[in-house]
Amino acid sequence: MLKGSYVALITPMLANGDVDYQSLTRLVDYHLAEGTDGLVVLGTTAEAATLEWVEQIAVVQAVCDQVAGKITIIVGNGANSTALAVEKTKQLTELPIDGFLTVTPYYNKPMQKGMRLHFEAIAAVTDKPILLYNVPGRTGVDLLPETVAELAVSPNIVGIKDATGSLERLHELQQCCPAGFSLFSGDDISSADFMLAGGHGVISVTANVAAGAVAGMVRAALADDETGCRQYDQQLQPLHHQLFVEANPIPVKWAAARTGLIQSDFVRLPLTTLEPIHQTGIEEALRHAKIEF
């Protein structure tokens, strides 16, 4: 069963827009040192939508070369074309990764049947575990619990990252999914409540800059230590909010650069760098989270 504190890893970039592999190495080392359980590479936070395919492969290969076998590596393989997602999955399966995070098809708004067939087609071309990813605020579609339950029958569809921020949705998933199906929060703000209500972990944006505190919160929650979990959550809540004052990953890349984890806060168009008006709020939240910069 997949569980624990996973980070939705940013892709560091130089000021000229190239992938910054030196900062990527430093960032991955940081997560190893701070107790992160898994790296999610090429997700939304990684700006996968603006990375060329050759860059995507190179980023995953670099992470694998550095830490394969030392930490769980999950890779985003989603697309709004089933054929493209299948082809990406076939190629990525050849790398020493531990599984996939597969987002619902975005923009073209398929019905539940279309999403079910989409995920089944992807699962058929790999033997690696797949986490479904439901993020209606980004994709325009909502993967409903009954569809998740149908997909959970597939032996390698092993869990879901739910970014609805709804505890009611968590309870619905618990009722219809089999025991051992991993339920990950994809919403930092509600992640403590999610895990204390029986969720198995979080795939966190905030963990990019507060890996130790997020890992501590998750460990406490999974140990049924509500007091400890709430203490970490109180420390992190201002940062959870501030890291979404603009579209993700704009604020978290700025924060990672401000704390020295990466060299530059560069994001590729159509995203733009953080507006100065938001910088003080993020700095205050970093201080509240006891993060030095």
C-alpha atoms as a PDB file:
ATOM      1  CA  MET A   1       0.000   0.000   0.000  1.00  0.00           C
ATOM      2  CA  LEU A   2       1.277   3.459  -0.918  1.00  0.00           C
ATOM      3  CA  LYS A   3       1.087   5.871   2.005  1.00  0.00           C
ATOM      4  CA  GLY A   4       2.936   8.688   3.706  1.00  0.00           C
ATOM      5  CA  SER A   5       4.286  12.127   2.875  1.00  0.00           C
ATOM      6  CA  TYR A   6       4.786  12.631  -0.848  1.00  0.00           C
ATOM      7  CA  VAL A   7       5.885  15.858  -2.505  1.00  0.00           C
ATOM      8  CA  ALA A   8       4.478  17.226  -5.753  1.00  0.00           C
ATOM      9  CA  LEU A   9       7.984  18.097  -6.899  1.00  0.00           C
ATOM     10  CA  ILE A  10       8.686  21.368  -8.676  1.00  0.00           C
ATOM     11  CA  THR A  11      10.949  21.399 -11.728  1.00  0.00           C
ATOM     12  CA  PRO A  12      13.693  23.959 -11.054  1.00  0.00           C
ATOM     13  CA  MET A  13      14.585  26.131 -14.030  1.00  0.00           C
ATOM     14  CA  LEU A  14      17.382  28.564 -14.752  1.00  0.00           C
ATOM     15  CA  ALA A  15      16.708  32.191 -15.558  1.00  0.00           C
ATOM     16  CA  ASN A  16      16.939  31.332 -19.271  1.00  0.00           C
ATOM     17  CA  GLY A  17      14.182  28.733 -18.923  1.00  0.00           C
ATOM     18  CA  ASP A  18      16.318  25.590 -19.118  1.00  0.00           C
ATOM     19  CA  VAL A  19      15.814  22.823 -16.560  1.00  0.00           C
ATOM     20  CA  ASP A  20      18.190  23.389 -13.652  1.00  0.00           C
ATOM     21  CA  TYR A  21      19.533  19.922 -12.902  1.00  0.00           C
ATOM     22  CA  GLN A  22      21.916  21.148 -10.205  1.00  0.00           C
ATOM     23  CA  SER A  23      19.011  22.564  -8.198  1.00  0.00           C
ATOM     24  CA  LEU A  24      16.955  19.435  -8.907  1.00  0.00           C
ATOM     25  CA  THR A  25      19.681  17.318  -7.323  1.00  0.00           C
ATOM     26  CA  ARG A  26      19.802  19.598  -4.283  1.00  0.00           C
ATOM     27  CA  LEU A  27      16.028  19.531  -3.947  1.00  0.00           C
ATOM     28  CA  VAL A  28      15.871  15.732  -4.064  1.00  0.00           C
ATOM     29  CA  ASP A  29      18.667  15.483  -1.476  1.00  0.00           C
ATOM     30  CA  TYR A  30      16.648  17.817   0.748  1.00  0.00           C
ATOM     31  CA  HIS A  31      13.674  15.460   0.622  1.00  0.00           C
ATOM     32  CA  LEU A  32      15.797  12.451   1.455  1.00  0.00           C
ATOM     33  CA  ALA A  33      17.216  14.270   4.462  1.00  0.00           C
ATOM     34  CA  GLU A  34      13.841  15.594   5.685  1.00  0.00           C
ATOM     35  CA  GLY A  35      11.958  12.295   5.669  1.00  0.00           C
ATOM     36  CA  THR A  36       9.759  12.615   2.582  1.00  0.00           C
ATOM     37  CA  ASP A  37       8.371   9.178   1.656  1.00  0.00           C
ATOM     38  CA  GLY A  38       7.871   9.718  -2.058  1.00  0.00           C
ATOM     39  CA  LEU A  39       8.597  12.045  -4.968  1.00  0.00           C
ATOM     40  CA  VAL A  40       5.877  12.806  -7.498  1.00  0.00           C
ATOM     41  CA  VAL A  41       7.647  13.952 -10.659  1.00  0.00           C
ATOM     42  CA  LEU A  42       5.981  15.546 -13.721  1.00  0.00           C
ATOM     43  CA  GLY A  43       2.769  16.501 -11.966  1.00  0.00           C
ATOM     44  CA  THR A  44       0.925  19.820 -12.150  1.00  0.00           C
ATOM     45  CA  THR A  45       3.423  21.439  -9.787  1.00  0.00           C
ATOM     46  CA  ALA A  46       6.275  20.276 -12.033  1.00  0.00           C
ATOM     47  CA  GLU A  47       4.962  22.347 -14.967  1.00  0.00           C
ATOM     48  CA  ALA A  48       4.733  19.159 -16.986  1.00  0.00           C
ATOM     49  CA  ALA A  49       2.366  20.927 -19.384  1.00  0.00           C
ATOM     50  CA  THR A  50       5.204  23.157 -20.617  1.00  0.00           C
ATOM     51  CA  LEU A  51       8.017  20.587 -20.557  1.00  0.00           C
ATOM     52  CA  GLU A  52       8.910  19.018 -23.897  1.00  0.00           C
ATOM     53  CA  TRP A  53       8.738  15.221 -23.928  1.00  0.00           C
ATOM     54  CA  VAL A  54      12.525  14.919 -24.185  1.00  0.00           C
ATOM     55  CA  GLU A  55      12.790  17.152 -21.100  1.00  0.00           C
ATOM     56  CA  GLN A  56      10.229  15.074 -19.225  1.00  0.00           C
ATOM     57  CA  ILE A  57      12.206  11.895 -19.853  1.00  0.00           C
ATOM     58  CA  ALA A  58      15.444  13.623 -18.882  1.00  0.00           C
ATOM     59  CA  VAL A  59      14.000  14.923 -15.597  1.00  0.00           C
ATOM     60  CA  VAL A  60      12.654  11.505 -14.617  1.00  0.00           C
ATOM     61  CA  GLN A  61      15.933   9.847 -15.604  1.00  0.00           C
ATOM     62  CA  ALA A  62      17.919  12.325 -13.512  1.00  0.00           C
ATOM     63  CA  VAL A  63      15.777  11.662 -10.445  1.00  0.00           C
ATOM     64  CA  CYS A  64      16.020   7.895 -10.984  1.00  0.00           C
ATOM     65  CA  ASP A  65      19.798   8.048 -11.384  1.00  0.00           C
ATOM     66  CA  GLN A  66      20.028   9.911  -8.100  1.00  0.00           C
ATOM     67  CA  VAL A  67      17.593   8.083  -5.817  1.00  0.00           C
ATOM     68  CA  ALA A  68      15.935   5.046  -7.434  1.00  0.00           C
ATOM     69  CA  GLY A  69      15.646   2.392  -4.727  1.00  0.00           C
ATOM     70  CA  LYS A  70      16.104   4.947  -1.932  1.00  0.00           C
ATOM     71  CA  ILE A  71      12.718   6.677  -2.101  1.00  0.00           C
ATOM     72  CA  THR A  72       9.449   6.002  -3.926  1.00  0.00           C
ATOM     73  CA  ILE A  73       9.305   7.681  -7.343  1.00  0.00           C
ATOM     74  CA  ILE A  74       5.872   8.303  -8.850  1.00  0.00           C
ATOM     75  CA  VAL A  75       5.637   9.900 -12.294  1.00  0.00           C
ATOM     76  CA  GLY A  76       2.831  11.866 -13.906  1.00  0.00           C
ATOM     77  CA  ASN A  77       1.772  10.228 -17.167  1.00  0.00           C
ATOM     78  CA  GLY A  78      -1.505  11.984 -17.867  1.00  0.00           C
ATOM     79  CA  ALA A  79      -2.846  13.507 -21.059  1.00  0.00           C
ATOM     80  CA  ASN A  80      -6.259  14.437 -22.386  1.00  0.00           C
ATOM     81  CA  SER A  81      -5.658  12.084 -25.292  1.00  0.00           C
ATOM     82  CA  THR A  82      -5.891   8.435 -24.265  1.00  0.00           C
ATOM     83  CA  ALA A  83      -3.556   7.394 -27.079  1.00  0.00           C
ATOM     84  CA  LEU A  84      -0.916   9.877 -25.947  1.00  0.00           C
ATOM     85  CA  ALA A  85      -1.230   8.863 -22.287  1.00  0.00           C
ATOM     86  CA  VAL A  86      -0.842   5.213 -23.290  1.00  0.00           C
ATOM     87  CA  GLU A  87       2.272   5.963 -25.346  1.00  0.00           C
ATOM     88  CA  LYS A  88       3.814   8.035 -22.544  1.00  0.00           C
ATOM     89  CA  THR A  89       3.118   5.228 -20.086  1.00  0.00           C
ATOM     90  CA  LYS A  90       4.782   2.632 -22.315  1.00  0.00           C
ATOM     91  CA  GLN A  91       7.965   4.695 -22.518  1.00  0.00           C
ATOM     92  CA  LEU A  92       8.080   5.713 -18.854  1.00  0.00           C
ATOM     93  CA  THR A  93       7.509   2.128 -17.723  1.00  0.00           C
ATOM     94  CA  GLU A  94      10.987   1.305 -19.014  1.00  0.00           C
ATOM     95  CA  LEU A  95      12.547   3.585 -16.372  1.00  0.00           C
ATOM     96  CA  PRO A  96      13.205   2.426 -12.765  1.00  0.00           C
ATOM     97  CA  ILE A  97      10.181   4.213 -11.325  1.00  0.00           C
ATOM     98  CA  ASP A  98       7.735   2.857  -8.768  1.00  0.00           C
ATOM     99  CA  GLY A  99       4.408   3.928 -10.236  1.00  0.00           C
ATOM    100  CA  PHE A 100       2.292   6.547 -11.962  1.00  0.00           C
ATOM    101  CA  LEU A 101       0.023   9.444 -11.064  1.00  0.00           C
ATOM    102  CA  THR A 102      -2.599   9.640 -13.799  1.00  0.00           C
ATOM    103  CA  VAL A 103      -4.765  12.736 -13.989  1.00  0.00           C
ATOM    104  CA  THR A 104      -8.294  12.758 -15.354  1.00  0.00           C
ATOM    105  CA  PRO A 105      -8.462  13.901 -18.993  1.00  0.00           C
ATOM    106  CA  TYR A 106      -8.639  17.669 -18.899  1.00  0.00           C
ATOM    107  CA  TYR A 107     -10.438  20.251 -21.051  1.00  0.00           C
ATOM    108  CA  ASN A 108     -12.373  17.833 -23.295  1.00  0.00           C
ATOM    109  CA  LYS A 109     -14.684  16.892 -20.369  1.00  0.00           C
ATOM    110  CA  PRO A 110     -15.416  13.184 -20.917  1.00  0.00           C
ATOM    111  CA  MET A 111     -18.293  11.378 -19.253  1.00  0.00           C
ATOM    112  CA  GLN A 112     -17.661   8.911 -16.418  1.00  0.00           C
ATOM    113  CA  LYS A 113     -17.604   6.022 -18.904  1.00  0.00           C
ATOM    114  CA  GLY A 114     -14.966   7.791 -20.986  1.00  0.00           C
ATOM    115  CA  MET A 115     -12.761   8.371 -17.953  1.00  0.00           C
ATOM    116  CA  ARG A 116     -13.129   4.745 -16.875  1.00  0.00           C
ATOM    117  CA  LEU A 117     -12.107   3.498 -20.324  1.00  0.00           C
ATOM    118  CA  HIS A 118      -9.234   6.020 -20.406  1.00  0.00           C
ATOM    119  CA  PHE A 119      -7.746   4.744 -17.146  1.00  0.00           C
ATOM    120  CA  GLU A 120      -8.310   1.100 -18.052  1.00  0.00           C
ATOM    121  CA  ALA A 121      -6.435   1.583 -21.336  1.00  0.00           C
ATOM    122  CA  ILE A 122      -3.470   3.083 -19.482  1.00  0.00           C
ATOM    123  CA  ALA A 123      -3.453   0.391 -16.811  1.00  0.00           C
ATOM    124  CA  ALA A 124      -3.390  -2.283 -19.515  1.00  0.00           C
ATOM    125  CA  VAL A 125       0.043  -1.231 -20.839  1.00  0.00           C
ATOM    126  CA  THR A 126       1.981  -1.244 -17.561  1.00  0.00           C
ATOM    127  CA  ASP A 127       2.426  -3.513 -14.593  1.00  0.00           C
ATOM    128  CA  LYS A 128       3.400  -0.608 -12.346  1.00  0.00           C
ATOM    129  CA  PRO A 129       0.969   0.763  -9.725  1.00  0.00           C
ATOM    130  CA  ILE A 130      -1.264   3.654 -10.762  1.00  0.00           C
ATOM    131  CA  LEU A 131      -2.684   6.395  -8.560  1.00  0.00           C
ATOM    132  CA  LEU A 132      -5.709   8.096 -10.074  1.00  0.00           C
ATOM    133  CA  TYR A 133      -5.678  11.883  -9.800  1.00  0.00           C
ATOM    134  CA  ASN A 134      -8.917  13.815  -9.443  1.00  0.00           C
ATOM    135  CA  VAL A 135      -8.537  17.600  -9.479  1.00  0.00           C
ATOM    136  CA  PRO A 136     -11.775  19.126 -10.791  1.00  0.00           C
ATOM    137  CA  GLY A 137     -10.573  22.695 -10.256  1.00  0.00           C
ATOM    138  CA  ARG A 138      -7.866  22.145 -12.868  1.00  0.00           C
ATOM    139  CA  THR A 139      -9.445  19.697 -15.293  1.00  0.00           C
ATOM    140  CA  GLY A 140     -13.137  20.571 -15.560  1.00  0.00           C
ATOM    141  CA  VAL A 141     -14.210  16.989 -14.773  1.00  0.00           C
ATOM    142  CA  ASP A 142     -14.888  15.142 -11.525  1.00  0.00           C
ATOM    143  CA  LEU A 143     -14.067  11.437 -11.206  1.00  0.00           C
ATOM    144  CA  LEU A 144     -16.939  10.207  -9.059  1.00  0.00           C
ATOM    145  CA  PRO A 145     -16.519   7.645  -6.248  1.00  0.00           C
ATOM    146  CA  GLU A 146     -18.561   4.976  -8.025  1.00  0.00           C
ATOM    147  CA  THR A 147     -16.235   5.240 -11.051  1.00  0.00           C
ATOM    148  CA  VAL A 148     -13.200   5.032  -8.767  1.00  0.00           C
ATOM    149  CA  ALA A 149     -14.678   1.861  -7.245  1.00  0.00           C
ATOM    150  CA  GLU A 150     -15.058   0.330 -10.710  1.00  0.00           C
ATOM    151  CA  LEU A 151     -11.452   1.179 -11.536  1.00  0.00           C
ATOM    152  CA  ALA A 152     -10.187  -0.196  -8.210  1.00  0.00           C
ATOM    153  CA  VAL A 153     -10.964  -3.672  -9.549  1.00  0.00           C
ATOM    154  CA  SER A 154      -7.930  -3.347 -11.835  1.00  0.00           C
ATOM    155  CA  PRO A 155      -4.997  -4.964 -10.033  1.00  0.00           C
ATOM    156  CA  ASN A 156      -2.562  -2.118 -10.668  1.00  0.00           C
ATOM    157  CA  ILE A 157      -4.919   0.808  -9.982  1.00  0.00           C
ATOM    158  CA  VAL A 158      -4.028   1.070  -6.334  1.00  0.00           C
ATOM    159  CA  GLY A 159      -5.216   4.436  -5.075  1.00  0.00           C
ATOM    160  CA  ILE A 160      -6.246   8.010  -5.736  1.00  0.00           C
ATOM    161  CA  LYS A 161      -4.992  11.520  -5.121  1.00  0.00           C
ATOM    162  CA  ASP A 162      -8.154  13.456  -4.328  1.00  0.00           C
ATOM    163  CA  ALA A 163      -7.783  17.229  -4.640  1.00  0.00           C
ATOM    164  CA  THR A 164     -11.421  18.152  -4.079  1.00  0.00           C
ATOM    165  CA  GLY A 165     -10.673  19.258  -0.499  1.00  0.00           C
ATOM    166  CA  SER A 166     -13.899  17.529   0.572  1.00  0.00           C
ATOM    167  CA  LEU A 167     -14.064  15.249   3.604  1.00  0.00           C
ATOM    168  CA  GLU A 168     -17.456  14.107   2.395  1.00  0.00           C
ATOM    169  CA  ARG A 169     -15.746  12.852  -0.759  1.00  0.00           C
ATOM    170  CA  LEU A 170     -13.211  10.995   1.393  1.00  0.00           C
ATOM    171  CA  HIS A 171     -16.014   9.242   3.268  1.00  0.00           C
ATOM    172  CA  GLU A 172     -17.691   8.262  -0.006  1.00  0.00           C
ATOM    173  CA  LEU A 173     -14.424   6.791  -1.283  1.00  0.00           C
ATOM    174  CA  GLN A 174     -13.922   4.884   1.958  1.00  0.00           C
ATOM    175  CA  GLN A 175     -17.363   3.353   1.647  1.00  0.00           C
ATOM    176  CA  CYS A 176     -17.016   2.147  -1.936  1.00  0.00           C
ATOM    177  CA  CYS A 177     -13.323   1.335  -2.413  1.00  0.00           C
ATOM    178  CA  PRO A 178     -11.690  -1.918  -1.275  1.00  0.00           C
ATOM    179  CA  ALA A 179      -9.470  -2.237   1.770  1.00  0.00           C
ATOM    180  CA  GLY A 180      -5.879  -1.423   0.871  1.00  0.00           C
ATOM    181  CA  PHE A 181      -6.838   1.195  -1.733  1.00  0.00           C
ATOM    182  CA  SER A 182      -4.629   4.205  -1.025  1.00  0.00           C
ATOM    183  CA  LEU A 183      -6.409   7.496  -0.379  1.00  0.00           C
ATOM    184  CA  PHE A 184      -4.106  10.517  -0.720  1.00  0.00           C
ATOM    185  CA  SER A 185      -5.058  14.120  -0.127  1.00  0.00           C
ATOM    186  CA  GLY A 186      -4.159  16.492  -2.931  1.00  0.00           C
ATOM    187  CA  ASP A 187      -5.225  19.548  -0.948  1.00  0.00           C
ATOM    188  CA  ASP A 188      -2.662  20.835   1.550  1.00  0.00           C
ATOM    189  CA  ILE A 189      -5.103  23.000   3.482  1.00  0.00           C
ATOM    190  CA  SER A 190      -7.388  20.098   4.427  1.00  0.00           C
ATOM    191  CA  SER A 191      -4.761  17.352   4.458  1.00  0.00           C
ATOM    192  CA  ALA A 192      -4.544  17.003   8.259  1.00  0.00           C
ATOM    193  CA  ASP A 193      -8.312  16.536   8.553  1.00  0.00           C
ATOM    194  CA  PHE A 194      -8.207  14.138   5.596  1.00  0.00           C
ATOM    195  CA  MET A 195      -5.630  11.873   7.237  1.00  0.00           C
ATOM    196  CA  LEU A 196      -7.139  12.053  10.717  1.00  0.00           C
ATOM    197  CA  ALA A 197     -10.380  10.874   9.095  1.00  0.00           C
ATOM    198  CA  GLY A 198      -8.652   7.793   7.701  1.00  0.00           C
ATOM    199  CA  GLY A 199      -6.691   8.970   4.653  1.00  0.00           C
ATOM    200  CA  HIS A 200      -3.311   7.401   4.027  1.00  0.00           C
ATOM    201  CA  GLY A 201      -1.141  10.358   3.077  1.00  0.00           C
ATOM    202  CA  VAL A 202      -0.736  13.579   1.163  1.00  0.00           C
ATOM    203  CA  ILE A 203       0.824  14.599  -2.131  1.00  0.00           C
ATOM    204  CA  SER A 204       1.872  18.049  -1.062  1.00  0.00           C
ATOM    205  CA  VAL A 205       2.896  21.291  -2.733  1.00  0.00           C
ATOM    206  CA  THR A 206       3.958  22.785   0.607  1.00  0.00           C
ATOM    207  CA  ALA A 207       6.409  19.927   1.162  1.00  0.00           C
ATOM    208  CA  ASN A 208       8.651  21.474  -1.494  1.00  0.00           C
ATOM    209  CA  VAL A 209       9.768  24.013   1.121  1.00  0.00           C
ATOM    210  CA  ALA A 210       8.572  22.444   4.409  1.00  0.00           C
ATOM    211  CA  ALA A 211       9.337  18.773   3.859  1.00  0.00           C
ATOM    212  CA  GLY A 212      10.194  17.957   7.474  1.00  0.00           C
ATOM    213  CA  ALA A 213       7.076  19.533   8.945  1.00  0.00           C
ATOM    214  CA  VAL A 214       4.784  17.929   6.368  1.00  0.00           C
ATOM    215  CA  ALA A 215       6.415  14.543   6.980  1.00  0.00           C
ATOM    216  CA  GLY A 216       6.011  15.041  10.727  1.00  0.00           C
ATOM    217  CA  MET A 217       2.342  15.891  10.320  1.00  0.00           C
ATOM    218  CA  VAL A 218       1.735  12.793   8.219  1.00  0.00           C
ATOM    219  CA  ARG A 219       3.589  10.486  10.600  1.00  0.00           C
ATOM    220  CA  ALA A 220       1.580  11.844  13.539  1.00  0.00           C
ATOM    221  CA  ALA A 221      -1.720  11.437  11.695  1.00  0.00           C
ATOM    222  CA  LEU A 222      -0.959   7.870  10.636  1.00  0.00           C
ATOM    223  CA  ALA A 223      -0.035   7.066  14.252  1.00  0.00           C
ATOM    224  CA  ASP A 224      -3.402   8.462  15.438  1.00  0.00           C
ATOM    225  CA  ASP A 225      -1.558  11.241  17.265  1.00  0.00           C
ATOM    226  CA  GLU A 226      -4.108  13.999  16.699  1.00  0.00           C
ATOM    227  CA  THR A 227      -2.362  16.438  19.047  1.00  0.00           C
ATOM    228  CA  GLY A 228       0.945  16.124  17.214  1.00  0.00           C
ATOM    229  CA  CYS A 229      -0.720  16.298  13.824  1.00  0.00           C
ATOM    230  CA  ARG A 230      -2.615  19.470  14.799  1.00  0.00           C
ATOM    231  CA  GLN A 231       0.554  21.106  16.073  1.00  0.00           C
ATOM    232  CA  TYR A 232       2.281  20.617  12.740  1.00  0.00           C
ATOM    233  CA  ASP A 233      -0.858  21.675  10.871  1.00  0.00           C
ATOM    234  CA  GLN A 234      -1.137  24.905  12.839  1.00  0.00           C
ATOM    235  CA  GLN A 235       2.475  25.647  11.983  1.00  0.00           C
ATOM    236  CA  LEU A 236       1.849  24.989   8.287  1.00  0.00           C
ATOM    237  CA  GLN A 237      -1.593  26.498   7.661  1.00  0.00           C
ATOM    238  CA  PRO A 238      -0.440  30.052   6.799  1.00  0.00           C
ATOM    239  CA  LEU A 239       2.036  28.587   4.322  1.00  0.00           C
ATOM    240  CA  HIS A 240      -0.612  26.302   2.795  1.00  0.00           C
ATOM    241  CA  HIS A 241      -2.728  29.372   2.093  1.00  0.00           C
ATOM    242  CA  GLN A 242       0.070  31.644   0.891  1.00  0.00           C
ATOM    243  CA  LEU A 243       1.394  29.099  -1.582  1.00  0.00           C
ATOM    244  CA  PHE A 244      -1.852  29.372  -3.512  1.00  0.00           C
ATOM    245  CA  VAL A 245      -2.235  33.165  -3.709  1.00  0.00           C
ATOM    246  CA  GLU A 246      -1.361  32.751  -7.384  1.00  0.00           C
ATOM    247  CA  ALA A 247      -1.563  29.726  -9.662  1.00  0.00           C
ATOM    248  CA  ASN A 248       0.547  26.784  -8.500  1.00  0.00           C
ATOM    249  CA  PRO A 249       3.558  26.508  -8.811  1.00  0.00           C
ATOM    250  CA  ILE A 250       4.261  30.250  -9.019  1.00  0.00           C
ATOM    251  CA  PRO A 251       4.330  30.906  -5.235  1.00  0.00           C
ATOM    252  CA  VAL A 252       6.095  27.689  -4.219  1.00  0.00           C
ATOM    253  CA  LYS A 253       8.877  28.218  -6.763  1.00  0.00           C
ATOM    254  CA  TRP A 254       9.364  31.738  -5.422  1.00  0.00           C
ATOM    255  CA  ALA A 255       9.473  30.354  -1.865  1.00  0.00           C
ATOM    256  CA  ALA A 256      11.949  27.635  -2.849  1.00  0.00           C
ATOM    257  CA  ALA A 257      14.211  30.238  -4.424  1.00  0.00           C
ATOM    258  CA  ARG A 258      13.829  32.547  -1.414  1.00  0.00           C
ATOM    259  CA  THR A 259      14.938  29.766   0.942  1.00  0.00           C
ATOM    260  CA  GLY A 260      17.878  28.809  -1.275  1.00  0.00           C
ATOM    261  CA  LEU A 261      16.611  25.374  -2.305  1.00  0.00           C
ATOM    262  CA  ILE A 262      16.698  26.373  -5.976  1.00  0.00           C
ATOM    263  CA  GLN A 263      18.585  29.094  -7.858  1.00  0.00           C
ATOM    264  CA  SER A 264      15.721  30.785  -9.686  1.00  0.00           C
ATOM    265  CA  ASP A 265      11.950  31.156  -9.414  1.00  0.00           C
ATOM    266  CA  PHE A 266      11.572  31.045 -13.210  1.00  0.00           C
ATOM    267  CA  VAL A 267       8.283  29.620 -14.513  1.00  0.00           C
ATOM    268  CA  ARG A 268       7.470  29.070 -18.168  1.00  0.00           C
ATOM    269  CA  LEU A 269       4.803  31.043 -19.965  1.00  0.00           C
ATOM    270  CA  PRO A 270       1.863  31.292 -19.781  1.00  0.00           C
ATOM    271  CA  LEU A 271       2.753  31.369 -16.060  1.00  0.00           C
ATOM    272  CA  THR A 272       4.588  34.442 -14.831  1.00  0.00           C
ATOM    273  CA  THR A 273       6.734  35.061 -11.765  1.00  0.00           C
ATOM    274  CA  LEU A 274       5.190  36.038  -8.443  1.00  0.00           C
ATOM    275  CA  GLU A 275       3.826  39.558  -8.124  1.00  0.00           C
ATOM    276  CA  PRO A 276       5.800  41.595  -5.535  1.00  0.00           C
ATOM    277  CA  ILE A 277       2.631  42.307  -3.553  1.00  0.00           C
ATOM    278  CA  HIS A 278       2.533  38.647  -2.444  1.00  0.00           C
ATOM    279  CA  GLN A 279       6.154  38.274  -1.378  1.00  0.00           C
ATOM    280  CA  THR A 280       5.826  39.594   2.187  1.00  0.00           C
ATOM    281  CA  GLY A 281       2.920  37.273   2.944  1.00  0.00           C
ATOM    282  CA  ILE A 282       4.904  34.240   1.861  1.00  0.00           C
ATOM    283  CA  GLU A 283       7.916  35.335   3.899  1.00  0.00           C
ATOM    284  CA  GLU A 284       5.730  35.715   6.998  1.00  0.00           C
ATOM    285  CA  ALA A 285       4.251  32.265   6.424  1.00  0.00           C
ATOM    286  CA  LEU A 286       7.731  30.775   6.062  1.00  0.00           C
ATOM    287  CA  ARG A 287       8.705  32.301   9.402  1.00  0.00           C
ATOM    288  CA  HIS A 288       5.535  30.938  11.013  1.00  0.00           C
ATOM    289  CA  ALA A 289       6.512  27.488   9.689  1.00  0.00           C
ATOM    290  CA  LYS A 290       9.989  27.954  11.243  1.00  0.00           C
ATOM    291  CA  ILE A 291      11.733  27.870   7.889  1.00  0.00           C
ATOM    292  CA  GLU A 292      14.931  29.876   7.675  1.00  0.00           C
ATOM    293  CA  PHE A 293      15.832  32.036   4.683  1.00  0.00           C
END
